[in-house]
Amino acid sequence: MKRRRTDPVTRLLAGLAITVVALPLVAIFVKVPWSTFFTSIRSDGSLTAVKLSIWTSLLAGLICLLLGVPLAWWLARGSDRVTTFLRPIVLAPIALPPTVAGLAMLGLLSRTGLLGRPIYRIFNWQMPFTTTAVIFAGIFVGLPFLVLVSESTFRQLPRDVQDAAEIDRATPGQVFRLIAIPQSKSGIVTGLVLAWARILGEFGATMMFAGSLPGTTQTWTMQIYQELDISQDTAYSLSLLMVLISVSLIFFLRKPITQAFAS
């Protein structure tokens, strides 16, 4: 295939953009103390935080998948009168500052929150500062990413196949399960990966809503933040591990991601 050339100005701006993104990542590689790398990430506190983040983020991602794909389909196919107003609400967590997101969850589910007050009165239990709060915060910040990508993918599906299925008396549920989802797998996977990455890296909202209790709510990112005051070597080692996971996910799923955003 013949390579398409770009003009010098475009190449210069592209190079600057790459530099802005790449240099901080390179700095992490340089600052990692390789002689103690494995020792740092195998320490009890680090392993506990990493394990907690992995399983809570996977569970939150699964819930996002179960809830987000139907929501994305409904937003893509629903009445514009309704979806026009609901879509900004669903996607709002993408733009919310972490402190506002955390405060919003506290306002809903704390002991004095809108739902938290009756829950506490009936069950004598509150969600904030529990592992459940970590999972809920992950769903809150990750779900919009899955919905955004999945809805875009659903809107690009050819309507003739769906119309033919409806003519053959396929129910709306069958069209969704047997046609829309199989044809949108790459976009859904992309949305799921982006949502999971967002959940795994969440810090501010989770800190406000769940706190940072070792073994209970102290996630990977919180452990990194704590280690900045205790051992910067461990902080850089844990950061590098997260960078490697993120880059690997994007690398191995680059084809689905490209297809999902292709017009």
C-alpha atoms as a PDB file:
ATOM      1  CA  MET A   1       0.000   0.000   0.000  1.00  0.00           C
ATOM      2  CA  LYS A   2       1.314   3.413  -0.959  1.00  0.00           C
ATOM      3  CA  ARG A   3       2.085   5.631   2.022  1.00  0.00           C
ATOM      4  CA  ARG A   4       0.236   8.914   2.215  1.00  0.00           C
ATOM      5  CA  ARG A   5       2.460  11.846   3.070  1.00  0.00           C
ATOM      6  CA  THR A   6       1.573  14.562   5.534  1.00  0.00           C
ATOM      7  CA  ASP A   7       2.663  18.165   5.546  1.00  0.00           C
ATOM      8  CA  PRO A   8       5.493  19.374   7.844  1.00  0.00           C
ATOM      9  CA  VAL A   9       3.199  21.375  10.118  1.00  0.00           C
ATOM     10  CA  THR A  10       0.993  18.347  10.743  1.00  0.00           C
ATOM     11  CA  ARG A  11       4.021  16.174  11.467  1.00  0.00           C
ATOM     12  CA  LEU A  12       5.385  18.797  13.875  1.00  0.00           C
ATOM     13  CA  LEU A  13       2.108  19.066  15.797  1.00  0.00           C
ATOM     14  CA  ALA A  14       1.735  15.281  15.831  1.00  0.00           C
ATOM     15  CA  GLY A  15       5.257  14.948  17.175  1.00  0.00           C
ATOM     16  CA  LEU A  16       4.525  17.456  19.941  1.00  0.00           C
ATOM     17  CA  ALA A  17       1.354  15.573  20.857  1.00  0.00           C
ATOM     18  CA  ILE A  18       3.241  12.275  21.046  1.00  0.00           C
ATOM     19  CA  THR A  19       5.906  13.933  23.189  1.00  0.00           C
ATOM     20  CA  VAL A  20       3.342  15.276  25.662  1.00  0.00           C
ATOM     21  CA  VAL A  21       1.856  11.799  26.114  1.00  0.00           C
ATOM     22  CA  ALA A  22       4.996   9.681  25.890  1.00  0.00           C
ATOM     23  CA  LEU A  23       7.504  11.578  28.012  1.00  0.00           C
ATOM     24  CA  PRO A  24       5.648  11.184  31.346  1.00  0.00           C
ATOM     25  CA  LEU A  25       5.388   7.448  30.678  1.00  0.00           C
ATOM     26  CA  VAL A  26       9.084   7.301  29.843  1.00  0.00           C
ATOM     27  CA  ALA A  27       9.799   9.128  33.093  1.00  0.00           C
ATOM     28  CA  ILE A  28       8.080   6.353  35.046  1.00  0.00           C
ATOM     29  CA  PHE A  29      10.253   3.742  33.327  1.00  0.00           C
ATOM     30  CA  VAL A  30      13.374   5.752  34.152  1.00  0.00           C
ATOM     31  CA  LYS A  31      12.443   6.386  37.792  1.00  0.00           C
ATOM     32  CA  VAL A  32      11.541   2.762  38.600  1.00  0.00           C
ATOM     33  CA  PRO A  33      14.185   1.132  40.834  1.00  0.00           C
ATOM     34  CA  TRP A  34      14.565  -2.071  38.850  1.00  0.00           C
ATOM     35  CA  SER A  35      16.666  -3.767  41.532  1.00  0.00           C
ATOM     36  CA  THR A  36      13.737  -3.646  43.963  1.00  0.00           C
ATOM     37  CA  PHE A  37      10.848  -3.662  41.470  1.00  0.00           C
ATOM     38  CA  PHE A  38       9.483  -7.137  42.238  1.00  0.00           C
ATOM     39  CA  THR A  39      10.097  -6.746  45.955  1.00  0.00           C
ATOM     40  CA  SER A  40       8.101  -3.514  45.973  1.00  0.00           C
ATOM     41  CA  ILE A  41       5.029  -4.865  44.181  1.00  0.00           C
ATOM     42  CA  ARG A  42       5.073  -8.074  46.268  1.00  0.00           C
ATOM     43  CA  SER A  43       4.867  -6.275  49.610  1.00  0.00           C
ATOM     44  CA  ASP A  44       1.770  -7.120  51.649  1.00  0.00           C
ATOM     45  CA  GLY A  45       0.151  -3.699  51.334  1.00  0.00           C
ATOM     46  CA  SER A  46       0.792  -3.476  47.605  1.00  0.00           C
ATOM     47  CA  LEU A  47      -0.491  -6.970  46.836  1.00  0.00           C
ATOM     48  CA  THR A  48      -3.620  -6.433  48.906  1.00  0.00           C
ATOM     49  CA  ALA A  49      -4.402  -3.156  47.146  1.00  0.00           C
ATOM     50  CA  VAL A  50      -3.746  -4.613  43.687  1.00  0.00           C
ATOM     51  CA  LYS A  51      -5.917  -7.675  44.364  1.00  0.00           C
ATOM     52  CA  LEU A  52      -8.719  -5.496  45.724  1.00  0.00           C
ATOM     53  CA  SER A  53      -8.601  -3.247  42.666  1.00  0.00           C
ATOM     54  CA  ILE A  54      -8.538  -6.158  40.228  1.00  0.00           C
ATOM     55  CA  TRP A  55     -11.545  -8.047  41.564  1.00  0.00           C
ATOM     56  CA  THR A  56     -13.667  -4.984  42.359  1.00  0.00           C
ATOM     57  CA  SER A  57     -12.961  -3.427  38.957  1.00  0.00           C
ATOM     58  CA  LEU A  58     -13.772  -6.688  37.167  1.00  0.00           C
ATOM     59  CA  LEU A  59     -17.047  -7.013  39.061  1.00  0.00           C
ATOM     60  CA  ALA A  60     -17.921  -3.369  38.421  1.00  0.00           C
ATOM     61  CA  GLY A  61     -17.032  -3.824  34.737  1.00  0.00           C
ATOM     62  CA  LEU A  62     -19.294  -6.879  34.483  1.00  0.00           C
ATOM     63  CA  ILE A  63     -22.183  -4.939  36.014  1.00  0.00           C
ATOM     64  CA  CYS A  64     -21.490  -2.076  33.597  1.00  0.00           C
ATOM     65  CA  LEU A  65     -21.685  -4.576  30.739  1.00  0.00           C
ATOM     66  CA  LEU A  66     -24.989  -6.063  31.922  1.00  0.00           C
ATOM     67  CA  LEU A  67     -26.578  -2.652  32.436  1.00  0.00           C
ATOM     68  CA  GLY A  68     -24.775  -0.501  29.888  1.00  0.00           C
ATOM     69  CA  VAL A  69     -25.360  -2.489  26.699  1.00  0.00           C
ATOM     70  CA  PRO A  70     -29.185  -2.502  27.048  1.00  0.00           C
ATOM     71  CA  LEU A  71     -29.060   1.179  28.005  1.00  0.00           C
ATOM     72  CA  ALA A  72     -26.942   1.995  24.950  1.00  0.00           C
ATOM     73  CA  TRP A  73     -29.366   0.104  22.693  1.00  0.00           C
ATOM     74  CA  TRP A  74     -32.316   1.946  24.193  1.00  0.00           C
ATOM     75  CA  LEU A  75     -30.609   5.307  23.724  1.00  0.00           C
ATOM     76  CA  ALA A  76     -29.825   4.391  20.112  1.00  0.00           C
ATOM     77  CA  ARG A  77     -33.339   3.178  19.305  1.00  0.00           C
ATOM     78  CA  GLY A  78     -35.540   5.039  21.780  1.00  0.00           C
ATOM     79  CA  SER A  79     -37.692   8.093  21.287  1.00  0.00           C
ATOM     80  CA  ASP A  80     -35.634  11.235  20.698  1.00  0.00           C
ATOM     81  CA  ARG A  81     -37.970  13.173  22.983  1.00  0.00           C
ATOM     82  CA  VAL A  82     -36.814  11.075  25.917  1.00  0.00           C
ATOM     83  CA  THR A  83     -33.242  10.147  25.010  1.00  0.00           C
ATOM     84  CA  THR A  84     -32.277  13.732  24.193  1.00  0.00           C
ATOM     85  CA  PHE A  85     -32.769  14.641  27.845  1.00  0.00           C
ATOM     86  CA  LEU A  86     -31.531  11.396  29.401  1.00  0.00           C
ATOM     87  CA  ARG A  87     -28.327  10.999  27.389  1.00  0.00           C
ATOM     88  CA  PRO A  88     -26.567  14.019  29.005  1.00  0.00           C
ATOM     89  CA  ILE A  89     -27.473  12.664  32.447  1.00  0.00           C
ATOM     90  CA  VAL A  90     -26.107   9.201  31.650  1.00  0.00           C
ATOM     91  CA  LEU A  91     -22.848  10.630  30.276  1.00  0.00           C
ATOM     92  CA  ALA A  92     -22.434  13.340  32.933  1.00  0.00           C
ATOM     93  CA  PRO A  93     -19.960  11.360  35.108  1.00  0.00           C
ATOM     94  CA  ILE A  94     -17.434  11.584  32.263  1.00  0.00           C
ATOM     95  CA  ALA A  95     -17.228  15.348  32.748  1.00  0.00           C
ATOM     96  CA  LEU A  96     -17.824  15.571  36.507  1.00  0.00           C
ATOM     97  CA  PRO A  97     -14.865  16.424  38.733  1.00  0.00           C
ATOM     98  CA  PRO A  98     -14.040  13.463  40.992  1.00  0.00           C
ATOM     99  CA  THR A  99     -14.895  15.419  44.136  1.00  0.00           C
ATOM    100  CA  VAL A 100     -18.353  16.256  42.769  1.00  0.00           C
ATOM    101  CA  ALA A 101     -18.907  12.616  41.775  1.00  0.00           C
ATOM    102  CA  GLY A 102     -17.910  11.458  45.252  1.00  0.00           C
ATOM    103  CA  LEU A 103     -20.132  14.050  46.908  1.00  0.00           C
ATOM    104  CA  ALA A 104     -23.050  13.033  44.679  1.00  0.00           C
ATOM    105  CA  MET A 105     -22.728   9.403  45.790  1.00  0.00           C
ATOM    106  CA  LEU A 106     -22.485  10.474  49.422  1.00  0.00           C
ATOM    107  CA  GLY A 107     -25.591  12.606  48.993  1.00  0.00           C
ATOM    108  CA  LEU A 108     -27.436   9.546  47.727  1.00  0.00           C
ATOM    109  CA  LEU A 109     -26.129   6.668  49.833  1.00  0.00           C
ATOM    110  CA  SER A 110     -24.587   8.037  53.026  1.00  0.00           C
ATOM    111  CA  ARG A 111     -26.325   7.568  56.346  1.00  0.00           C
ATOM    112  CA  THR A 112     -28.172  10.845  55.769  1.00  0.00           C
ATOM    113  CA  GLY A 113     -28.512  10.477  51.971  1.00  0.00           C
ATOM    114  CA  LEU A 114     -31.669  10.284  49.914  1.00  0.00           C
ATOM    115  CA  LEU A 115     -31.576   6.486  49.733  1.00  0.00           C
ATOM    116  CA  GLY A 116     -28.993   5.903  52.432  1.00  0.00           C
ATOM    117  CA  ARG A 117     -31.195   7.216  55.241  1.00  0.00           C
ATOM    118  CA  PRO A 118     -34.038   4.671  54.785  1.00  0.00           C
ATOM    119  CA  ILE A 119     -31.538   1.883  54.061  1.00  0.00           C
ATOM    120  CA  TYR A 120     -29.727   2.640  57.313  1.00  0.00           C
ATOM    121  CA  ARG A 121     -32.950   2.803  59.298  1.00  0.00           C
ATOM    122  CA  ILE A 122     -34.184  -0.548  57.977  1.00  0.00           C
ATOM    123  CA  PHE A 123     -30.958  -2.557  57.752  1.00  0.00           C
ATOM    124  CA  ASN A 124     -28.622  -0.590  60.067  1.00  0.00           C
ATOM    125  CA  TRP A 125     -26.086  -0.555  57.236  1.00  0.00           C
ATOM    126  CA  GLN A 126     -24.539   2.148  55.103  1.00  0.00           C
ATOM    127  CA  MET A 127     -22.601   1.763  51.869  1.00  0.00           C
ATOM    128  CA  PRO A 128     -19.884   4.447  52.206  1.00  0.00           C
ATOM    129  CA  PHE A 129     -16.475   3.233  53.405  1.00  0.00           C
ATOM    130  CA  THR A 130     -17.167  -0.391  52.480  1.00  0.00           C
ATOM    131  CA  THR A 131     -15.912  -2.547  49.618  1.00  0.00           C
ATOM    132  CA  THR A 132     -19.390  -2.265  48.104  1.00  0.00           C
ATOM    133  CA  ALA A 133     -18.792   1.475  47.850  1.00  0.00           C
ATOM    134  CA  VAL A 134     -15.645   0.824  45.781  1.00  0.00           C
ATOM    135  CA  ILE A 135     -17.692  -1.277  43.355  1.00  0.00           C
ATOM    136  CA  PHE A 136     -20.531   1.261  43.162  1.00  0.00           C
ATOM    137  CA  ALA A 137     -18.090   4.116  42.532  1.00  0.00           C
ATOM    138  CA  GLY A 138     -16.543   2.061  39.730  1.00  0.00           C
ATOM    139  CA  ILE A 139     -19.922   1.515  38.113  1.00  0.00           C
ATOM    140  CA  PHE A 140     -20.751   5.207  38.394  1.00  0.00           C
ATOM    141  CA  VAL A 141     -17.577   6.377  36.656  1.00  0.00           C
ATOM    142  CA  GLY A 142     -17.213   3.473  34.196  1.00  0.00           C
ATOM    143  CA  LEU A 143     -20.739   2.962  32.895  1.00  0.00           C
ATOM    144  CA  PRO A 144     -20.854   6.144  30.770  1.00  0.00           C
ATOM    145  CA  PHE A 145     -17.777   5.058  28.776  1.00  0.00           C
ATOM    146  CA  LEU A 146     -19.362   1.731  27.874  1.00  0.00           C
ATOM    147  CA  VAL A 147     -22.654   3.409  26.966  1.00  0.00           C
ATOM    148  CA  LEU A 148     -20.968   6.104  24.864  1.00  0.00           C
ATOM    149  CA  VAL A 149     -19.019   3.661  22.675  1.00  0.00           C
ATOM    150  CA  SER A 150     -21.767   1.022  22.477  1.00  0.00           C
ATOM    151  CA  GLU A 151     -24.448   3.513  21.496  1.00  0.00           C
ATOM    152  CA  SER A 152     -22.212   4.925  18.761  1.00  0.00           C
ATOM    153  CA  THR A 153     -21.645   1.393  17.464  1.00  0.00           C
ATOM    154  CA  PHE A 154     -25.355   0.554  17.547  1.00  0.00           C
ATOM    155  CA  ARG A 155     -26.170   3.689  15.558  1.00  0.00           C
ATOM    156  CA  GLN A 156     -23.782   2.582  12.783  1.00  0.00           C
ATOM    157  CA  LEU A 157     -25.478  -0.784  12.275  1.00  0.00           C
ATOM    158  CA  PRO A 158     -27.169  -1.228   8.884  1.00  0.00           C
ATOM    159  CA  ARG A 159     -30.910  -0.812   9.313  1.00  0.00           C
ATOM    160  CA  ASP A 160     -31.833  -3.101   6.453  1.00  0.00           C
ATOM    161  CA  VAL A 161     -30.871  -6.242   8.410  1.00  0.00           C
ATOM    162  CA  GLN A 162     -32.875  -5.106  11.417  1.00  0.00           C
ATOM    163  CA  ASP A 163     -35.843  -4.164   9.230  1.00  0.00           C
ATOM    164  CA  ALA A 164     -35.729  -7.570   7.528  1.00  0.00           C
ATOM    165  CA  ALA A 165     -35.725  -9.309  10.899  1.00  0.00           C
ATOM    166  CA  GLU A 166     -38.713  -7.265  12.038  1.00  0.00           C
ATOM    167  CA  ILE A 167     -40.553  -8.102   8.814  1.00  0.00           C
ATOM    168  CA  ASP A 168     -39.922 -11.773   9.637  1.00  0.00           C
ATOM    169  CA  ARG A 169     -41.692 -11.109  12.952  1.00  0.00           C
ATOM    170  CA  ALA A 170     -38.604 -11.049  15.138  1.00  0.00           C
ATOM    171  CA  THR A 171     -39.361  -9.478  18.498  1.00  0.00           C
ATOM    172  CA  PRO A 172     -37.461  -6.372  19.640  1.00  0.00           C
ATOM    173  CA  GLY A 173     -35.641  -8.558  22.146  1.00  0.00           C
ATOM    174  CA  GLN A 174     -34.569 -10.992  19.431  1.00  0.00           C
ATOM    175  CA  VAL A 175     -33.323  -8.159  17.235  1.00  0.00           C
ATOM    176  CA  PHE A 176     -31.253  -6.895  20.165  1.00  0.00           C
ATOM    177  CA  ARG A 177     -29.841 -10.262  21.255  1.00  0.00           C
ATOM    178  CA  LEU A 178     -29.415 -12.031  17.902  1.00  0.00           C
ATOM    179  CA  ILE A 179     -28.562  -9.170  15.539  1.00  0.00           C
ATOM    180  CA  ALA A 180     -27.470  -5.994  17.290  1.00  0.00           C
ATOM    181  CA  ILE A 181     -25.135  -7.514  19.880  1.00  0.00           C
ATOM    182  CA  PRO A 182     -23.307  -9.957  17.532  1.00  0.00           C
ATOM    183  CA  GLN A 183     -22.780  -7.212  14.950  1.00  0.00           C
ATOM    184  CA  SER A 184     -21.517  -4.785  17.600  1.00  0.00           C
ATOM    185  CA  LYS A 185     -19.143  -7.053  19.486  1.00  0.00           C
ATOM    186  CA  SER A 186     -16.011  -5.069  18.708  1.00  0.00           C
ATOM    187  CA  GLY A 187     -17.572  -1.792  19.841  1.00  0.00           C
ATOM    188  CA  ILE A 188     -18.965  -3.357  23.003  1.00  0.00           C
ATOM    189  CA  VAL A 189     -15.573  -4.883  23.828  1.00  0.00           C
ATOM    190  CA  THR A 190     -13.943  -1.504  23.252  1.00  0.00           C
ATOM    191  CA  GLY A 191     -16.428   0.204  25.553  1.00  0.00           C
ATOM    192  CA  LEU A 192     -15.926  -2.472  28.179  1.00  0.00           C
ATOM    193  CA  VAL A 193     -12.141  -2.104  28.078  1.00  0.00           C
ATOM    194  CA  LEU A 194     -12.342   1.683  28.347  1.00  0.00           C
ATOM    195  CA  ALA A 195     -14.827   1.389  31.215  1.00  0.00           C
ATOM    196  CA  TRP A 196     -12.650  -1.143  33.036  1.00  0.00           C
ATOM    197  CA  ALA A 197      -9.545   0.994  32.580  1.00  0.00           C
ATOM    198  CA  ARG A 198     -11.429   4.002  33.947  1.00  0.00           C
ATOM    199  CA  ILE A 199     -12.640   1.979  36.929  1.00  0.00           C
ATOM    200  CA  LEU A 200      -9.199   0.552  37.650  1.00  0.00           C
ATOM    201  CA  GLY A 201      -7.629   4.013  37.650  1.00  0.00           C
ATOM    202  CA  GLU A 202     -10.349   5.771  39.641  1.00  0.00           C
ATOM    203  CA  PHE A 203      -9.111   7.722  42.651  1.00  0.00           C
ATOM    204  CA  GLY A 204     -10.904  10.897  43.693  1.00  0.00           C
ATOM    205  CA  ALA A 205     -14.531   9.787  43.711  1.00  0.00           C
ATOM    206  CA  THR A 206     -13.658   6.482  45.375  1.00  0.00           C
ATOM    207  CA  MET A 207     -11.536   8.247  47.994  1.00  0.00           C
ATOM    208  CA  MET A 208     -14.465  10.494  48.972  1.00  0.00           C
ATOM    209  CA  PHE A 209     -17.124   7.788  48.863  1.00  0.00           C
ATOM    210  CA  ALA A 210     -15.251   4.690  50.051  1.00  0.00           C
ATOM    211  CA  GLY A 211     -12.244   6.085  51.871  1.00  0.00           C
ATOM    212  CA  SER A 212      -8.865   4.378  51.997  1.00  0.00           C
ATOM    213  CA  LEU A 213      -9.098   1.559  54.528  1.00  0.00           C
ATOM    214  CA  PRO A 214      -6.315  -1.026  54.053  1.00  0.00           C
ATOM    215  CA  GLY A 215      -7.713  -4.357  52.923  1.00  0.00           C
ATOM    216  CA  THR A 216     -11.245  -2.968  52.568  1.00  0.00           C
ATOM    217  CA  THR A 217     -11.318   0.104  50.345  1.00  0.00           C
ATOM    218  CA  GLN A 218      -7.676   1.000  49.716  1.00  0.00           C
ATOM    219  CA  THR A 219      -7.328   0.483  45.981  1.00  0.00           C
ATOM    220  CA  TRP A 220      -4.286   0.358  43.751  1.00  0.00           C
ATOM    221  CA  THR A 221      -4.275   4.085  43.009  1.00  0.00           C
ATOM    222  CA  MET A 222      -4.734   4.931  46.688  1.00  0.00           C
ATOM    223  CA  GLN A 223      -1.808   2.697  47.558  1.00  0.00           C
ATOM    224  CA  ILE A 224       0.337   4.580  45.045  1.00  0.00           C
ATOM    225  CA  TYR A 225      -0.709   7.885  46.604  1.00  0.00           C
ATOM    226  CA  GLN A 226       0.105   6.629  50.094  1.00  0.00           C
ATOM    227  CA  GLU A 227       3.468   5.255  49.025  1.00  0.00           C
ATOM    228  CA  LEU A 228       4.542   8.691  47.791  1.00  0.00           C
ATOM    229  CA  ASP A 229       5.045   9.631  51.456  1.00  0.00           C
ATOM    230  CA  ILE A 230       6.441   6.249  52.498  1.00  0.00           C
ATOM    231  CA  SER A 231       8.449   4.811  49.620  1.00  0.00           C
ATOM    232  CA  GLN A 232       8.627   6.525  46.249  1.00  0.00           C
ATOM    233  CA  ASP A 233      10.326   3.430  44.851  1.00  0.00           C
ATOM    234  CA  THR A 234       7.180   1.404  45.569  1.00  0.00           C
ATOM    235  CA  ALA A 235       4.978   4.170  44.167  1.00  0.00           C
ATOM    236  CA  TYR A 236       6.881   4.169  40.872  1.00  0.00           C
ATOM    237  CA  SER A 237       6.886   0.362  40.721  1.00  0.00           C
ATOM    238  CA  LEU A 238       3.119   0.151  41.217  1.00  0.00           C
ATOM    239  CA  SER A 239       2.608   2.939  38.688  1.00  0.00           C
ATOM    240  CA  LEU A 240       4.714   1.143  36.098  1.00  0.00           C
ATOM    241  CA  LEU A 241       2.700  -2.046  36.574  1.00  0.00           C
ATOM    242  CA  MET A 242      -0.504  -0.117  35.901  1.00  0.00           C
ATOM    243  CA  VAL A 243       1.037   1.518  32.815  1.00  0.00           C
ATOM    244  CA  LEU A 244       2.061  -1.881  31.449  1.00  0.00           C
ATOM    245  CA  ILE A 245      -1.445  -3.274  31.919  1.00  0.00           C
ATOM    246  CA  SER A 246      -3.063  -0.254  30.254  1.00  0.00           C
ATOM    247  CA  VAL A 247      -0.716  -0.220  27.270  1.00  0.00           C
ATOM    248  CA  SER A 248      -1.060  -3.986  26.818  1.00  0.00           C
ATOM    249  CA  LEU A 249      -4.856  -3.785  26.762  1.00  0.00           C
ATOM    250  CA  ILE A 250      -4.846  -1.057  24.145  1.00  0.00           C
ATOM    251  CA  PHE A 251      -2.249  -2.903  22.059  1.00  0.00           C
ATOM    252  CA  PHE A 252      -4.058  -6.222  21.950  1.00  0.00           C
ATOM    253  CA  LEU A 253      -7.462  -4.632  21.396  1.00  0.00           C
ATOM    254  CA  ARG A 254      -6.338  -1.975  18.921  1.00  0.00           C
ATOM    255  CA  LYS A 255      -8.284  -3.561  16.031  1.00  0.00           C
ATOM    256  CA  PRO A 256     -11.670  -3.574  17.835  1.00  0.00           C
ATOM    257  CA  ILE A 257     -11.045  -0.035  19.038  1.00  0.00           C
ATOM    258  CA  THR A 258     -10.266   1.129  15.514  1.00  0.00           C
ATOM    259  CA  GLN A 259     -13.367  -0.567  14.139  1.00  0.00           C
ATOM    260  CA  ALA A 260     -15.583   0.861  16.862  1.00  0.00           C
ATOM    261  CA  PHE A 261     -14.695   4.452  16.072  1.00  0.00           C
ATOM    262  CA  ALA A 262     -14.540   4.009  12.307  1.00  0.00           C
ATOM    263  CA  SER A 263     -17.236   5.936  10.550  1.00  0.00           C
END
